[in-house]
N, C-alpha and C. Protein backbone atom coordinates (compact mmCIF):
# COMPACT_ATOMS: atom_id res chain seq x y z
N MET A 1 56.76 -27.56 21.03
CA MET A 1 55.90 -26.26 21.93
C MET A 1 54.95 -25.80 20.40
N ARG A 2 56.35 -25.10 19.32
CA ARG A 2 55.82 -25.06 18.11
C ARG A 2 54.75 -25.40 17.00
N LEU A 3 55.08 -26.61 17.14
CA LEU A 3 54.23 -27.13 16.52
C LEU A 3 52.75 -27.55 16.98
N ALA A 4 52.60 -27.88 18.55
CA ALA A 4 51.28 -27.54 19.02
C ALA A 4 50.65 -26.44 18.64
N ILE A 5 51.22 -24.93 18.69
CA ILE A 5 50.40 -23.78 18.10
C ILE A 5 50.57 -23.44 17.53
N LEU A 6 50.76 -24.20 16.43
CA LEU A 6 50.44 -24.36 14.86
C LEU A 6 48.89 -25.49 15.21
N ALA A 7 49.28 -26.09 15.53
CA ALA A 7 48.29 -26.94 14.82
C ALA A 7 46.93 -26.52 15.49
N LEU A 8 47.03 -25.41 17.27
CA LEU A 8 46.08 -25.19 17.22
C LEU A 8 45.17 -23.99 16.63
N SER A 9 46.30 -22.94 15.91
CA SER A 9 45.28 -22.28 14.94
C SER A 9 45.32 -22.78 13.64
N ILE A 10 45.34 -23.97 13.27
CA ILE A 10 44.62 -24.46 12.02
C ILE A 10 43.26 -24.23 11.84
N PRO A 11 42.21 -24.29 13.24
CA PRO A 11 40.81 -24.70 12.68
C PRO A 11 40.79 -23.05 12.98
N ILE A 12 41.20 -22.35 13.89
CA ILE A 12 41.10 -21.42 13.88
C ILE A 12 40.91 -20.43 12.87
N LEU A 13 42.27 -20.46 11.83
CA LEU A 13 41.82 -19.99 10.45
C LEU A 13 41.03 -20.47 9.52
N HIS A 14 40.66 -21.48 9.75
CA HIS A 14 39.66 -22.26 8.69
C HIS A 14 38.43 -22.06 9.25
N ALA A 15 38.00 -21.66 10.34
CA ALA A 15 36.79 -21.85 10.89
C ALA A 15 35.66 -21.17 9.99
N ALA A 16 34.59 -21.97 9.73
CA ALA A 16 33.12 -21.13 8.88
C ALA A 16 32.80 -20.35 9.75
N SER A 17 32.31 -19.02 9.24
CA SER A 17 31.65 -18.18 9.53
C SER A 17 29.74 -18.61 9.57
N GLU A 18 29.05 -17.97 9.89
CA GLU A 18 27.70 -18.04 9.56
C GLU A 18 26.35 -17.48 9.90
N ILE A 19 25.55 -17.42 8.99
CA ILE A 19 24.39 -16.62 8.87
C ILE A 19 23.60 -17.01 10.24
N PRO A 20 23.66 -16.43 11.39
CA PRO A 20 22.85 -17.64 12.45
C PRO A 20 21.22 -16.75 11.95
N GLN A 21 20.62 -18.19 12.97
CA GLN A 21 19.23 -18.39 12.81
C GLN A 21 18.79 -17.15 13.17
N GLY A 22 17.38 -16.38 12.84
CA GLY A 22 16.52 -15.39 13.32
C GLY A 22 17.56 -14.40 12.90
N SER A 23 18.78 -14.58 12.09
CA SER A 23 18.68 -13.06 11.70
C SER A 23 17.98 -12.51 10.33
N HIS A 24 18.06 -11.32 10.21
CA HIS A 24 17.28 -10.36 9.58
C HIS A 24 18.40 -9.20 8.82
N VAL A 25 17.98 -9.47 6.98
CA VAL A 25 18.23 -8.23 6.00
C VAL A 25 17.82 -7.48 5.77
N LEU A 26 17.71 -6.27 5.05
CA LEU A 26 16.55 -5.90 4.48
C LEU A 26 17.15 -5.71 3.01
N LEU A 27 16.50 -6.25 1.71
CA LEU A 27 16.69 -6.33 0.80
C LEU A 27 15.97 -5.22 -0.20
N ARG A 28 16.65 -4.63 -1.32
CA ARG A 28 16.42 -3.50 -1.93
C ARG A 28 15.92 -4.50 -3.28
N LEU A 29 14.72 -3.90 -4.05
CA LEU A 29 14.87 -4.76 -5.59
C LEU A 29 15.76 -4.05 -6.53
N VAL A 30 16.24 -4.46 -7.55
CA VAL A 30 16.45 -4.15 -8.47
C VAL A 30 15.55 -4.07 -9.76
N ASN A 31 14.95 -4.79 -9.82
CA ASN A 31 13.17 -4.97 -11.02
C ASN A 31 12.45 -4.52 -10.59
N SER A 32 11.51 -3.98 -10.97
CA SER A 32 9.89 -4.07 -9.98
C SER A 32 9.36 -5.44 -10.60
N VAL A 33 8.14 -5.85 -9.63
CA VAL A 33 7.25 -6.64 -9.78
C VAL A 33 5.60 -6.55 -9.14
N SER A 34 5.33 -6.78 -10.30
CA SER A 34 3.66 -7.02 -10.01
C SER A 34 3.05 -8.04 -10.68
N THR A 35 1.48 -7.89 -9.76
CA THR A 35 1.00 -9.24 -10.04
C THR A 35 0.22 -8.76 -11.35
N ARG A 36 0.14 -7.89 -11.71
CA ARG A 36 -0.47 -7.32 -13.09
C ARG A 36 0.17 -8.28 -14.70
N THR A 37 1.92 -8.51 -14.19
CA THR A 37 2.25 -9.02 -15.09
C THR A 37 3.52 -10.38 -14.57
N ALA A 38 3.31 -10.18 -13.60
CA ALA A 38 4.27 -11.48 -12.95
C ALA A 38 3.73 -12.85 -13.05
N ARG A 39 4.68 -13.43 -13.31
CA ARG A 39 4.38 -15.04 -13.92
C ARG A 39 5.06 -16.12 -12.59
N GLU A 40 4.72 -17.24 -12.52
CA GLU A 40 5.15 -17.97 -11.47
C GLU A 40 6.54 -18.37 -12.33
N GLY A 41 7.96 -18.47 -11.62
CA GLY A 41 9.03 -18.55 -12.22
C GLY A 41 9.96 -17.51 -12.65
N ASP A 42 8.99 -16.26 -12.68
CA ASP A 42 9.67 -15.33 -13.26
C ASP A 42 11.23 -14.78 -12.35
N ARG A 43 12.17 -14.07 -13.15
CA ARG A 43 13.48 -14.25 -12.06
C ARG A 43 12.88 -12.62 -11.31
N VAL A 44 13.55 -12.40 -10.08
CA VAL A 44 13.66 -11.36 -9.21
C VAL A 44 15.04 -11.14 -9.01
N TYR A 45 15.52 -9.97 -8.66
CA TYR A 45 16.86 -9.66 -8.68
C TYR A 45 16.84 -8.55 -7.44
N LEU A 46 17.76 -8.74 -6.36
CA LEU A 46 17.90 -7.87 -5.38
C LEU A 46 19.19 -7.73 -4.78
N THR A 47 19.30 -6.59 -3.98
CA THR A 47 20.31 -6.13 -3.06
C THR A 47 20.36 -6.41 -1.83
N THR A 48 21.54 -6.53 -1.19
CA THR A 48 21.68 -6.45 0.51
C THR A 48 21.40 -4.49 0.74
N ALA A 49 20.43 -4.24 1.48
CA ALA A 49 20.41 -2.71 1.74
C ALA A 49 20.85 -2.61 3.41
N THR A 50 21.08 -3.92 3.95
CA THR A 50 21.59 -3.93 5.31
C THR A 50 22.82 -4.92 5.94
N PRO A 51 23.79 -5.00 5.93
CA PRO A 51 24.71 -5.86 6.78
C PRO A 51 24.27 -7.10 7.06
N ILE A 52 24.66 -8.28 7.14
CA ILE A 52 24.25 -9.02 8.20
C ILE A 52 25.89 -9.56 9.06
N VAL A 53 26.09 -8.69 10.23
CA VAL A 53 27.04 -8.62 10.96
C VAL A 53 26.82 -9.70 12.62
N VAL A 54 28.10 -10.15 12.26
CA VAL A 54 28.34 -11.22 13.72
C VAL A 54 29.37 -10.89 14.55
N ASN A 55 29.65 -10.82 15.79
CA ASN A 55 30.59 -10.82 16.26
C ASN A 55 31.05 -9.35 15.49
N GLY A 56 30.93 -8.54 15.14
CA GLY A 56 31.52 -7.33 14.75
C GLY A 56 32.73 -7.69 13.25
N GLU A 57 31.77 -8.78 13.10
CA GLU A 57 32.41 -9.15 11.49
C GLU A 57 31.45 -9.22 10.37
N PHE A 58 31.63 -8.44 9.32
CA PHE A 58 31.04 -8.56 8.21
C PHE A 58 30.83 -9.67 7.39
N VAL A 59 29.36 -10.60 8.17
CA VAL A 59 29.50 -11.88 7.21
C VAL A 59 28.79 -11.79 5.66
N VAL A 60 28.24 -10.83 5.43
CA VAL A 60 27.54 -10.61 4.42
C VAL A 60 27.22 -8.94 4.41
N PRO A 61 27.99 -8.77 3.59
CA PRO A 61 27.82 -6.96 3.38
C PRO A 61 26.60 -6.11 2.67
N VAL A 62 26.59 -4.94 2.70
CA VAL A 62 25.90 -4.02 1.98
C VAL A 62 26.07 -4.37 0.39
N ASN A 63 25.16 -4.65 -0.60
CA ASN A 63 25.15 -4.69 -1.78
C ASN A 63 25.58 -6.23 -2.55
N SER A 64 25.98 -6.93 -1.63
CA SER A 64 25.45 -8.50 -2.03
C SER A 64 24.11 -8.83 -3.10
N TYR A 65 24.33 -9.65 -4.12
CA TYR A 65 23.52 -9.62 -4.79
C TYR A 65 22.93 -11.22 -4.48
N VAL A 66 21.49 -10.47 -4.61
CA VAL A 66 20.43 -11.91 -4.60
C VAL A 66 19.63 -12.10 -5.31
N GLN A 67 19.04 -13.07 -5.41
CA GLN A 67 18.56 -13.94 -6.74
C GLN A 67 17.01 -14.58 -5.98
N GLY A 68 16.32 -14.26 -6.56
CA GLY A 68 15.14 -15.12 -6.21
C GLY A 68 13.90 -15.20 -7.22
N VAL A 69 12.91 -15.89 -7.04
CA VAL A 69 12.13 -16.04 -8.34
C VAL A 69 10.44 -16.16 -7.79
N VAL A 70 9.42 -15.59 -8.41
CA VAL A 70 8.29 -15.45 -8.11
C VAL A 70 7.97 -16.76 -8.20
N SER A 71 6.95 -17.38 -7.43
CA SER A 71 6.69 -18.87 -6.67
C SER A 71 5.03 -18.60 -7.07
N HIS A 72 4.36 -17.56 -6.35
CA HIS A 72 2.95 -17.24 -6.61
C HIS A 72 2.81 -15.79 -7.18
N SER A 73 1.58 -15.69 -8.32
CA SER A 73 0.78 -14.95 -8.58
C SER A 73 -0.48 -14.89 -8.66
N ARG A 74 -1.15 -14.06 -7.80
CA ARG A 74 -2.66 -13.73 -8.06
C ARG A 74 -3.34 -12.47 -9.05
N ARG A 75 -4.01 -11.87 -10.15
CA ARG A 75 -4.16 -10.90 -9.63
C ARG A 75 -5.71 -10.67 -9.53
N SER A 76 -5.94 -9.60 -8.66
CA SER A 76 -6.77 -9.49 -8.15
C SER A 76 -8.07 -9.26 -8.75
N GLY A 77 -9.36 -10.10 -8.41
CA GLY A 77 -10.67 -9.97 -9.03
C GLY A 77 -11.19 -8.94 -9.11
N ARG A 78 -12.24 -8.95 -10.30
CA ARG A 78 -13.14 -7.71 -10.46
C ARG A 78 -14.15 -8.26 -9.45
N VAL A 79 -14.47 -9.01 -8.81
CA VAL A 79 -15.59 -8.57 -7.82
C VAL A 79 -14.89 -9.47 -6.58
N SER A 80 -14.35 -10.34 -6.54
CA SER A 80 -13.86 -11.10 -5.05
C SER A 80 -12.58 -11.45 -5.51
N GLY A 81 -11.47 -11.62 -4.25
CA GLY A 81 -10.54 -12.54 -4.66
C GLY A 81 -8.75 -10.88 -4.64
N ARG A 82 -8.44 -10.96 -3.37
CA ARG A 82 -7.26 -10.00 -3.36
C ARG A 82 -6.23 -10.65 -3.90
N ALA A 83 -4.97 -9.49 -4.33
CA ALA A 83 -3.75 -9.80 -5.59
C ALA A 83 -3.07 -10.32 -4.58
N GLU A 84 -2.40 -11.27 -5.00
CA GLU A 84 -1.23 -11.90 -3.97
C GLU A 84 0.13 -12.58 -4.47
N LEU A 85 0.89 -12.02 -4.19
CA LEU A 85 2.36 -12.26 -4.80
C LEU A 85 3.24 -12.87 -3.56
N ALA A 86 3.79 -13.87 -4.32
CA ALA A 86 4.91 -14.98 -3.56
C ALA A 86 6.19 -14.69 -3.83
N ILE A 87 7.21 -14.39 -2.99
CA ILE A 87 8.70 -14.60 -3.67
C ILE A 87 9.83 -15.24 -3.03
N ARG A 88 10.43 -16.16 -3.51
CA ARG A 88 11.11 -17.45 -2.91
C ARG A 88 12.56 -17.15 -3.48
N ILE A 89 13.36 -16.58 -2.34
CA ILE A 89 14.94 -15.94 -2.28
C ILE A 89 15.51 -17.19 -2.38
N GLU A 90 16.00 -17.23 -3.41
CA GLU A 90 17.23 -18.71 -3.32
C GLU A 90 18.43 -18.58 -3.51
N SER A 91 19.35 -17.58 -3.64
CA SER A 91 20.64 -17.67 -3.71
C SER A 91 21.73 -15.92 -3.06
N MET A 92 22.65 -15.89 -2.73
CA MET A 92 23.12 -14.20 -2.21
C MET A 92 24.74 -14.44 -2.88
N THR A 93 25.02 -13.67 -3.26
CA THR A 93 26.56 -14.06 -3.92
C THR A 93 26.82 -12.35 -3.23
N LEU A 94 28.26 -13.13 -2.74
CA LEU A 94 29.25 -11.78 -1.74
C LEU A 94 29.95 -11.43 -2.54
N PRO A 95 30.56 -9.75 -2.09
CA PRO A 95 31.25 -9.69 -3.53
C PRO A 95 32.50 -10.32 -3.36
N SER A 96 32.88 -11.36 -2.84
CA SER A 96 34.36 -12.45 -3.23
C SER A 96 33.62 -12.50 -4.43
N GLY A 97 32.34 -12.99 -4.48
CA GLY A 97 32.08 -13.50 -5.72
C GLY A 97 31.55 -15.33 -5.49
N GLN A 98 31.48 -15.58 -4.00
CA GLN A 98 30.71 -16.72 -3.44
C GLN A 98 29.73 -16.92 -3.63
N THR A 99 29.19 -17.89 -3.74
CA THR A 99 27.48 -17.97 -3.86
C THR A 99 26.66 -19.11 -2.63
N LEU A 100 25.77 -18.44 -1.79
CA LEU A 100 25.21 -19.40 -1.03
C LEU A 100 23.80 -19.45 -1.61
N GLN A 101 23.69 -20.42 -1.41
CA GLN A 101 21.99 -21.23 -1.31
C GLN A 101 21.15 -20.90 -0.22
N VAL A 102 20.35 -19.88 -0.22
CA VAL A 102 19.48 -19.16 1.12
C VAL A 102 18.74 -19.24 0.88
N SER A 103 17.65 -19.77 1.95
CA SER A 103 16.18 -19.85 1.78
C SER A 103 15.05 -18.52 2.88
N PRO A 104 15.73 -17.70 3.17
CA PRO A 104 14.66 -16.94 4.27
C PRO A 104 13.50 -16.57 3.83
N HIS A 105 13.01 -16.28 5.28
CA HIS A 105 10.86 -16.15 4.98
C HIS A 105 11.40 -14.67 4.90
N LEU A 106 10.17 -14.11 3.76
CA LEU A 106 9.33 -12.91 3.82
C LEU A 106 8.72 -12.88 5.27
N SER A 107 9.28 -11.21 5.75
CA SER A 107 8.81 -10.94 7.16
C SER A 107 8.03 -9.47 6.47
N SER A 108 8.41 -8.70 6.19
CA SER A 108 7.26 -7.34 5.64
C SER A 108 8.02 -7.01 3.77
N VAL A 109 7.05 -5.93 3.66
CA VAL A 109 7.73 -4.95 2.64
C VAL A 109 6.59 -3.67 2.55
N ASP A 110 7.57 -3.38 1.98
CA ASP A 110 7.01 -1.53 1.39
C ASP A 110 5.41 -1.63 1.13
N SER A 111 4.78 -0.96 2.26
CA SER A 111 3.14 -0.97 1.73
C SER A 111 3.03 0.31 0.33
N GLU A 112 3.86 1.12 0.27
CA GLU A 112 4.11 2.00 -0.46
C GLU A 112 2.61 3.11 -0.73
N GLY A 113 2.33 3.61 0.71
CA GLY A 113 0.72 4.28 0.30
C GLY A 113 -0.38 2.98 0.46
N THR A 114 -0.29 1.68 0.43
CA THR A 114 -1.30 0.85 0.32
C THR A 114 -1.48 0.35 1.29
N GLU A 115 -2.51 -0.59 1.68
CA GLU A 115 -2.46 -2.10 2.54
C GLU A 115 -2.20 -3.51 2.03
N GLN A 116 -1.02 -2.98 1.27
CA GLN A 116 -0.51 -4.55 0.85
C GLN A 116 0.56 -4.97 2.06
N LYS A 117 0.41 -6.21 2.73
CA LYS A 117 1.46 -6.60 3.65
C LYS A 117 1.40 -8.17 3.89
N VAL A 118 2.48 -8.57 4.18
CA VAL A 118 2.99 -9.84 4.23
C VAL A 118 1.84 -10.35 5.17
N GLU A 119 1.30 -11.71 4.66
CA GLU A 119 0.79 -13.04 5.32
C GLU A 119 1.83 -13.55 5.76
N THR A 120 1.95 -13.66 7.58
CA THR A 120 2.95 -14.40 8.26
C THR A 120 2.85 -15.63 7.44
N LYS A 121 1.88 -16.63 7.77
CA LYS A 121 1.85 -17.90 7.68
C LYS A 121 2.63 -18.68 6.45
N GLU A 122 2.11 -17.45 5.79
CA GLU A 122 2.33 -18.17 4.05
C GLU A 122 4.02 -17.48 3.40
N GLY A 123 4.18 -16.15 3.92
CA GLY A 123 5.02 -15.11 3.37
C GLY A 123 4.51 -14.39 1.97
N THR A 124 3.55 -14.79 1.87
CA THR A 124 2.68 -13.95 0.69
C THR A 124 2.36 -12.70 0.90
N VAL A 125 2.57 -11.76 -0.02
CA VAL A 125 2.47 -10.11 -0.22
C VAL A 125 0.72 -9.93 -0.06
N GLN A 126 -0.33 -9.79 0.41
CA GLN A 126 -1.20 -9.86 0.30
C GLN A 126 -2.17 -8.17 -0.29
N GLN A 127 -2.89 -7.67 -1.00
CA GLN A 127 -2.92 -6.57 -0.81
C GLN A 127 -4.50 -5.91 -0.20
N GLY A 128 -4.60 -5.21 0.38
CA GLY A 128 -5.94 -5.07 0.96
C GLY A 128 -7.22 -4.98 0.51
N GLY A 129 -8.15 -4.72 0.76
CA GLY A 129 -9.47 -4.69 0.04
C GLY A 129 -9.84 -3.68 -0.29
N THR A 130 -11.05 -3.60 -0.90
CA THR A 130 -11.17 -2.58 -1.48
C THR A 130 -12.82 -1.69 -1.16
N LYS A 131 -13.13 -2.57 -0.27
CA LYS A 131 -14.81 -2.62 0.09
C LYS A 131 -15.09 -0.99 0.32
N GLY A 132 -14.06 -0.27 0.79
CA GLY A 132 -14.50 0.87 1.00
C GLY A 132 -14.47 2.10 0.13
N VAL A 133 -13.46 1.91 -1.11
CA VAL A 133 -13.46 2.67 -2.13
C VAL A 133 -14.77 2.04 -3.05
N ASP A 134 -14.71 1.18 -3.14
CA ASP A 134 -16.21 0.67 -3.57
C ASP A 134 -17.32 1.42 -3.80
N ALA A 135 -17.75 1.20 -2.18
CA ALA A 135 -18.62 2.11 -1.86
C ALA A 135 -18.88 3.19 -1.92
N GLU A 136 -17.78 4.32 -1.99
CA GLU A 136 -17.54 5.36 -1.81
C GLU A 136 -17.79 5.75 -3.57
N ARG A 137 -17.62 4.81 -4.56
CA ARG A 137 -17.55 5.26 -6.34
C ARG A 137 -19.03 4.81 -6.59
N ILE A 138 -19.89 3.73 -5.45
CA ILE A 138 -21.21 3.70 -5.79
C ILE A 138 -22.13 5.00 -5.15
N ALA A 139 -21.69 5.46 -4.40
CA ALA A 139 -22.31 6.63 -3.77
C ALA A 139 -21.80 7.83 -4.63
N ILE A 140 -20.65 8.31 -5.21
CA ILE A 140 -20.42 9.23 -5.96
C ILE A 140 -22.00 8.95 -6.99
N ARG A 141 -21.29 7.77 -7.83
CA ARG A 141 -22.46 7.65 -9.17
C ARG A 141 -23.99 8.22 -8.64
N ALA A 142 -24.42 7.59 -7.84
CA ALA A 142 -25.55 7.37 -7.12
C ALA A 142 -26.29 9.00 -6.97
N GLY A 143 -24.89 10.05 -6.03
CA GLY A 143 -25.25 11.07 -6.10
C GLY A 143 -25.19 11.67 -7.23
N GLU A 144 -24.51 11.70 -8.15
CA GLU A 144 -24.55 12.81 -9.81
C GLU A 144 -25.89 12.34 -10.21
N GLY A 145 -26.24 10.94 -10.27
CA GLY A 145 -27.51 10.73 -10.97
C GLY A 145 -28.34 11.32 -10.67
N ALA A 146 -28.84 11.54 -9.22
CA ALA A 146 -29.73 12.29 -8.54
C ALA A 146 -29.90 13.57 -8.85
N ALA A 147 -28.51 14.46 -9.10
CA ALA A 147 -28.43 15.99 -9.32
C ALA A 147 -28.82 15.98 -10.53
N ILE A 148 -28.54 15.04 -11.52
CA ILE A 148 -28.93 14.97 -13.11
C ILE A 148 -30.54 14.55 -12.83
N GLY A 149 -31.39 13.89 -12.21
CA GLY A 149 -32.28 13.72 -12.25
C GLY A 149 -33.48 14.38 -12.04
N ALA A 150 -32.73 15.67 -10.67
CA ALA A 150 -33.46 16.40 -10.28
C ALA A 150 -33.65 17.80 -10.87
N ILE A 151 -32.74 18.01 -11.93
CA ILE A 151 -32.53 18.89 -12.94
C ILE A 151 -32.86 19.15 -14.02
N VAL A 152 -33.41 17.68 -14.54
CA VAL A 152 -34.34 17.42 -15.73
C VAL A 152 -35.65 17.41 -15.22
N ASP A 153 -36.20 16.65 -14.31
CA ASP A 153 -37.46 16.09 -13.48
C ASP A 153 -38.08 17.68 -13.18
N ARG A 154 -37.12 18.44 -12.32
CA ARG A 154 -37.66 19.43 -11.69
C ARG A 154 -38.14 19.00 -10.32
N GLY A 155 -37.76 18.07 -9.67
CA GLY A 155 -38.41 17.07 -8.46
C GLY A 155 -37.72 15.94 -7.72
N TRP A 156 -38.71 15.73 -6.55
CA TRP A 156 -37.84 14.58 -5.69
C TRP A 156 -38.08 13.35 -6.69
N LYS A 157 -38.90 12.82 -7.72
CA LYS A 157 -39.30 11.97 -8.00
C LYS A 157 -37.85 11.75 -9.27
N GLY A 158 -38.03 12.85 -9.98
CA GLY A 158 -36.53 12.68 -10.54
C GLY A 158 -34.94 12.56 -10.01
N ALA A 159 -35.14 13.02 -9.11
CA ALA A 159 -33.68 12.64 -7.89
C ALA A 159 -33.59 11.39 -7.83
N GLY A 160 -34.77 10.55 -7.30
CA GLY A 160 -34.82 9.08 -7.45
C GLY A 160 -34.97 8.47 -7.84
N ILE A 161 -35.32 8.88 -9.37
CA ILE A 161 -34.83 7.95 -10.24
C ILE A 161 -33.37 8.51 -10.88
N GLY A 162 -32.84 9.65 -11.05
CA GLY A 162 -31.57 9.67 -11.21
C GLY A 162 -31.02 8.77 -10.39
N ALA A 163 -31.26 8.63 -8.84
CA ALA A 163 -29.69 8.04 -7.92
C ALA A 163 -29.88 6.90 -8.30
N GLY A 164 -31.11 6.14 -8.44
CA GLY A 164 -31.24 4.92 -8.84
C GLY A 164 -30.06 4.63 -10.14
N ALA A 165 -30.68 5.08 -10.97
CA ALA A 165 -29.50 5.14 -12.27
C ALA A 165 -28.06 5.06 -12.07
N GLY A 166 -27.89 6.16 -11.03
CA GLY A 166 -26.30 6.26 -10.95
C GLY A 166 -25.36 5.32 -10.48
N GLY A 167 -26.69 5.21 -9.51
CA GLY A 167 -25.83 4.24 -8.16
C GLY A 167 -25.78 2.48 -9.18
N ALA A 168 -26.82 2.25 -10.15
CA ALA A 168 -26.63 0.75 -10.91
C ALA A 168 -25.16 1.35 -11.92
N VAL A 169 -25.45 2.41 -12.20
CA VAL A 169 -23.72 2.56 -13.31
C VAL A 169 -23.02 2.21 -12.50
N GLY A 170 -22.90 2.82 -10.84
CA GLY A 170 -21.61 2.81 -10.25
C GLY A 170 -20.95 1.44 -9.50
N LEU A 171 -22.18 0.79 -9.28
CA LEU A 171 -21.92 -1.23 -9.23
C LEU A 171 -21.75 -1.36 -10.28
N ALA A 172 -22.15 -1.07 -11.42
CA ALA A 172 -21.48 -1.94 -12.76
C ALA A 172 -20.21 -2.20 -12.81
N THR A 173 -19.86 -0.72 -12.77
CA THR A 173 -18.22 0.15 -12.88
C THR A 173 -18.09 -0.70 -11.60
N VAL A 174 -18.28 -0.88 -10.57
CA VAL A 174 -17.25 -1.61 -9.34
C VAL A 174 -16.81 -2.93 -10.03
N LEU A 175 -17.82 -3.24 -10.51
CA LEU A 175 -18.36 -5.00 -10.80
C LEU A 175 -16.99 -5.17 -12.11
N LEU A 176 -17.24 -4.39 -12.66
CA LEU A 176 -15.78 -4.64 -14.11
C LEU A 176 -14.36 -4.08 -13.77
N THR A 177 -14.50 -3.47 -12.49
CA THR A 177 -13.17 -2.71 -12.26
C THR A 177 -12.15 -3.97 -11.57
N ARG A 178 -10.92 -4.58 -11.82
CA ARG A 178 -10.54 -4.97 -10.70
C ARG A 178 -10.05 -4.15 -9.48
N GLY A 179 -9.49 -5.10 -8.60
CA GLY A 179 -9.28 -4.33 -7.57
C GLY A 179 -7.77 -3.97 -7.60
N ARG A 180 -7.01 -3.38 -6.55
CA ARG A 180 -5.60 -3.10 -6.55
C ARG A 180 -4.75 -3.94 -6.74
N GLU A 181 -3.83 -4.00 -7.61
CA GLU A 181 -2.59 -4.66 -7.75
C GLU A 181 -1.42 -5.13 -6.49
N VAL A 182 -0.84 -5.83 -6.37
CA VAL A 182 0.58 -5.71 -5.35
C VAL A 182 1.84 -5.62 -6.45
N ASP A 183 1.99 -4.20 -6.10
CA ASP A 183 3.25 -3.70 -7.11
C ASP A 183 3.96 -3.70 -5.99
N LEU A 184 5.74 -4.14 -5.94
CA LEU A 184 6.89 -3.66 -5.21
C LEU A 184 7.51 -3.43 -6.34
N HIS A 185 8.19 -1.84 -6.22
CA HIS A 185 8.78 -1.01 -7.34
C HIS A 185 10.07 -1.17 -7.13
N GLN A 186 10.92 -1.11 -8.27
CA GLN A 186 12.39 -0.73 -8.27
C GLN A 186 12.67 0.22 -7.16
N GLY A 187 13.67 -0.55 -6.09
CA GLY A 187 13.86 0.31 -5.51
C GLY A 187 13.30 0.35 -3.33
N SER A 188 11.69 -0.52 -4.10
CA SER A 188 11.31 -0.80 -3.20
C SER A 188 12.10 -2.05 -1.82
N THR A 189 12.14 -2.26 -0.51
CA THR A 189 12.30 -3.00 0.46
C THR A 189 11.87 -4.09 0.76
N LEU A 190 12.23 -5.58 1.01
CA LEU A 190 12.14 -6.55 1.63
C LEU A 190 12.65 -7.17 2.67
N ASP A 191 12.07 -7.37 3.97
CA ASP A 191 12.92 -7.42 5.24
C ASP A 191 12.31 -8.88 5.09
N VAL A 192 14.02 -9.71 5.08
CA VAL A 192 13.66 -11.20 5.05
C VAL A 192 13.92 -11.74 6.49
N VAL A 193 14.27 -12.94 7.27
CA VAL A 193 14.51 -13.08 8.24
C VAL A 193 14.93 -14.79 7.72
N PHE A 194 16.04 -15.16 8.38
CA PHE A 194 16.75 -16.66 8.19
C PHE A 194 16.36 -17.52 9.26
N GLU A 195 15.73 -18.37 8.88
CA GLU A 195 14.93 -19.21 10.09
C GLU A 195 15.53 -20.78 10.05
N ARG A 196 16.96 -20.70 9.75
CA ARG A 196 17.56 -21.60 10.06
C ARG A 196 19.12 -20.83 9.58
N ALA A 197 20.24 -21.29 10.27
CA ALA A 197 21.56 -21.38 10.12
C ALA A 197 22.21 -21.36 8.86
N VAL A 198 22.95 -20.24 8.03
CA VAL A 198 23.79 -20.86 6.90
C VAL A 198 25.08 -20.68 7.27
N PRO A 199 25.62 -21.68 6.46
CA PRO A 199 27.27 -21.45 6.85
C PRO A 199 27.73 -21.08 5.79
N VAL A 200 28.73 -19.96 5.81
CA VAL A 200 29.61 -19.38 4.97
C VAL A 200 30.92 -19.79 5.08
N PRO A 201 31.53 -20.43 4.34
CA PRO A 201 32.92 -20.95 4.21
C PRO A 201 34.00 -19.88 4.09
């Protein structure tokens, strides 16, 4: 009887936990990452900001170390093309020192007052467009030019010439200026989701 109890207890003592499929965890960046400087292959360091708890057990506690790599980086274009950044999470090191090979999918990131968001199909962070900002910049230059032209020529003709010149300057400024970059600053958070279960021996 005693031997039977011992035999039954062995699988329980050695049963492996796992990170279930569909689990979310919030990661916090240790280093900043920006499309201004990031290159494919650059290392990204993070820590878990929330735990993964299964049946009341902490499978992955807070402040576990996470490593990733920049898998895609594209700067914003001067005329067209939005900035894009993709990060592939590769490993997670628990406080016990045990390292897990993981590949969760990026779900969302801090927008930090911009329109940057995750394109769910590719898991890529993409910056929003700048059409509204560009139009405003051109309009301001045209208005400034009209005001100066009216003062110099003292009439509508001068205002029209000034507006045209100012608008041209504004358009040139837009064409020579890059759009907003994807900026993930130190301390920013990323929400990732596990698309398949990961055993934790």
